[in-house]
Amino acid sequence: MYIAGRPNVALLLTLAGKGGSFAPPFAAACSAIKFTLIGIAILYAVCGLALRLRARFLQLS
């Protein structure tokens, strides 16, 4: 929730004209962190699936 909510707050502050020059870079940094974590989670899931399939095929041989 923290990472997902911060860019939205920063965007709302920017649109309202109260964020100054701090909000856009802050929102960009939070978004970069969020998408990096999502990428790591996807990579973890794909590697786990690949290892499970590999073990299953080695067991059948």
C-alpha atoms as a PDB file:
ATOM      1  CA  MET A   1       0.000   0.000   0.000  1.00  0.00           C
ATOM      2  CA  TYR A   2       2.785   2.435   0.834  1.00  0.00           C
ATOM      3  CA  ILE A   3       4.515   2.163  -2.516  1.00  0.00           C
ATOM      4  CA  ALA A   4       1.266   2.100  -4.473  1.00  0.00           C
ATOM      5  CA  GLY A   5      -0.197   5.108  -2.655  1.00  0.00           C
ATOM      6  CA  ARG A   6       2.724   7.527  -2.654  1.00  0.00           C
ATOM      7  CA  PRO A   7       2.836   8.233  -6.409  1.00  0.00           C
ATOM      8  CA  ASN A   8      -0.905   8.922  -6.360  1.00  0.00           C
ATOM      9  CA  VAL A   9      -0.536  11.424  -3.520  1.00  0.00           C
ATOM     10  CA  ALA A  10       2.352  13.105  -5.290  1.00  0.00           C
ATOM     11  CA  LEU A  11       0.364  13.247  -8.529  1.00  0.00           C
ATOM     12  CA  LEU A  12      -2.607  14.819  -6.771  1.00  0.00           C
ATOM     13  CA  LEU A  13      -0.345  17.397  -5.120  1.00  0.00           C
ATOM     14  CA  THR A  14       1.220  18.230  -8.471  1.00  0.00           C
ATOM     15  CA  LEU A  15      -2.141  18.581 -10.183  1.00  0.00           C
ATOM     16  CA  ALA A  16      -3.382  20.823  -7.377  1.00  0.00           C
ATOM     17  CA  GLY A  17      -0.290  23.003  -7.768  1.00  0.00           C
ATOM     18  CA  LYS A  18       0.864  22.391  -4.189  1.00  0.00           C
ATOM     19  CA  GLY A  19       3.543  19.777  -4.788  1.00  0.00           C
ATOM     20  CA  GLY A  20       6.183  22.167  -5.972  1.00  0.00           C
ATOM     21  CA  SER A  21       9.237  20.682  -7.583  1.00  0.00           C
ATOM     22  CA  PHE A  22       9.425  17.859  -5.041  1.00  0.00           C
ATOM     23  CA  ALA A  23       6.348  15.825  -5.973  1.00  0.00           C
ATOM     24  CA  PRO A  24       7.134  14.773  -9.581  1.00  0.00           C
ATOM     25  CA  PRO A  25      10.595  13.291  -8.878  1.00  0.00           C
ATOM     26  CA  PHE A  26       9.246  11.675  -5.716  1.00  0.00           C
ATOM     27  CA  ALA A  27       6.392  10.072  -7.658  1.00  0.00           C
ATOM     28  CA  ALA A  28       8.822   8.871 -10.330  1.00  0.00           C
ATOM     29  CA  ALA A  29      11.133   7.314  -7.737  1.00  0.00           C
ATOM     30  CA  CYS A  30       8.256   5.535  -6.003  1.00  0.00           C
ATOM     31  CA  SER A  31       6.962   4.242  -9.327  1.00  0.00           C
ATOM     32  CA  ALA A  32      10.420   2.993 -10.294  1.00  0.00           C
ATOM     33  CA  ILE A  33      10.698   1.127  -6.991  1.00  0.00           C
ATOM     34  CA  LYS A  34       7.206  -0.326  -7.418  1.00  0.00           C
ATOM     35  CA  PHE A  35       7.845  -1.611 -10.936  1.00  0.00           C
ATOM     36  CA  THR A  36      11.266  -2.969  -9.957  1.00  0.00           C
ATOM     37  CA  LEU A  37       9.654  -4.987  -7.159  1.00  0.00           C
ATOM     38  CA  ILE A  38       6.938  -6.210  -9.529  1.00  0.00           C
ATOM     39  CA  GLY A  39       9.620  -7.291 -12.007  1.00  0.00           C
ATOM     40  CA  ILE A  40      11.524  -9.157  -9.304  1.00  0.00           C
ATOM     41  CA  ALA A  41       8.329 -10.935  -8.224  1.00  0.00           C
ATOM     42  CA  ILE A  42       7.540 -11.972 -11.800  1.00  0.00           C
ATOM     43  CA  LEU A  43      11.098 -13.222 -12.320  1.00  0.00           C
ATOM     44  CA  TYR A  44      10.902 -15.178  -9.061  1.00  0.00           C
ATOM     45  CA  ALA A  45       7.629 -16.816 -10.113  1.00  0.00           C
ATOM     46  CA  VAL A  46       8.931 -17.702 -13.591  1.00  0.00           C
ATOM     47  CA  CYS A  47      12.135 -19.206 -12.160  1.00  0.00           C
ATOM     48  CA  GLY A  48      10.144 -21.218  -9.637  1.00  0.00           C
ATOM     49  CA  LEU A  49       7.866 -22.525 -12.370  1.00  0.00           C
ATOM     50  CA  ALA A  50      10.843 -23.406 -14.564  1.00  0.00           C
ATOM     51  CA  LEU A  51      12.541 -25.306 -11.734  1.00  0.00           C
ATOM     52  CA  ARG A  52       9.332 -27.182 -10.946  1.00  0.00           C
ATOM     53  CA  LEU A  53       8.875 -28.188 -14.592  1.00  0.00           C
ATOM     54  CA  ARG A  54      12.524 -29.206 -14.840  1.00  0.00           C
ATOM     55  CA  ALA A  55      12.211 -31.397 -11.754  1.00  0.00           C
ATOM     56  CA  ARG A  56       9.045 -32.988 -13.117  1.00  0.00           C
ATOM     57  CA  PHE A  57      10.664 -33.798 -16.466  1.00  0.00           C
ATOM     58  CA  LEU A  58      13.795 -35.204 -14.810  1.00  0.00           C
ATOM     59  CA  GLN A  59      11.592 -37.391 -12.620  1.00  0.00           C
ATOM     60  CA  LEU A  60       9.827 -38.844 -15.671  1.00  0.00           C
ATOM     61  CA  SER A  61      13.092 -39.776 -17.379  1.00  0.00           C
END
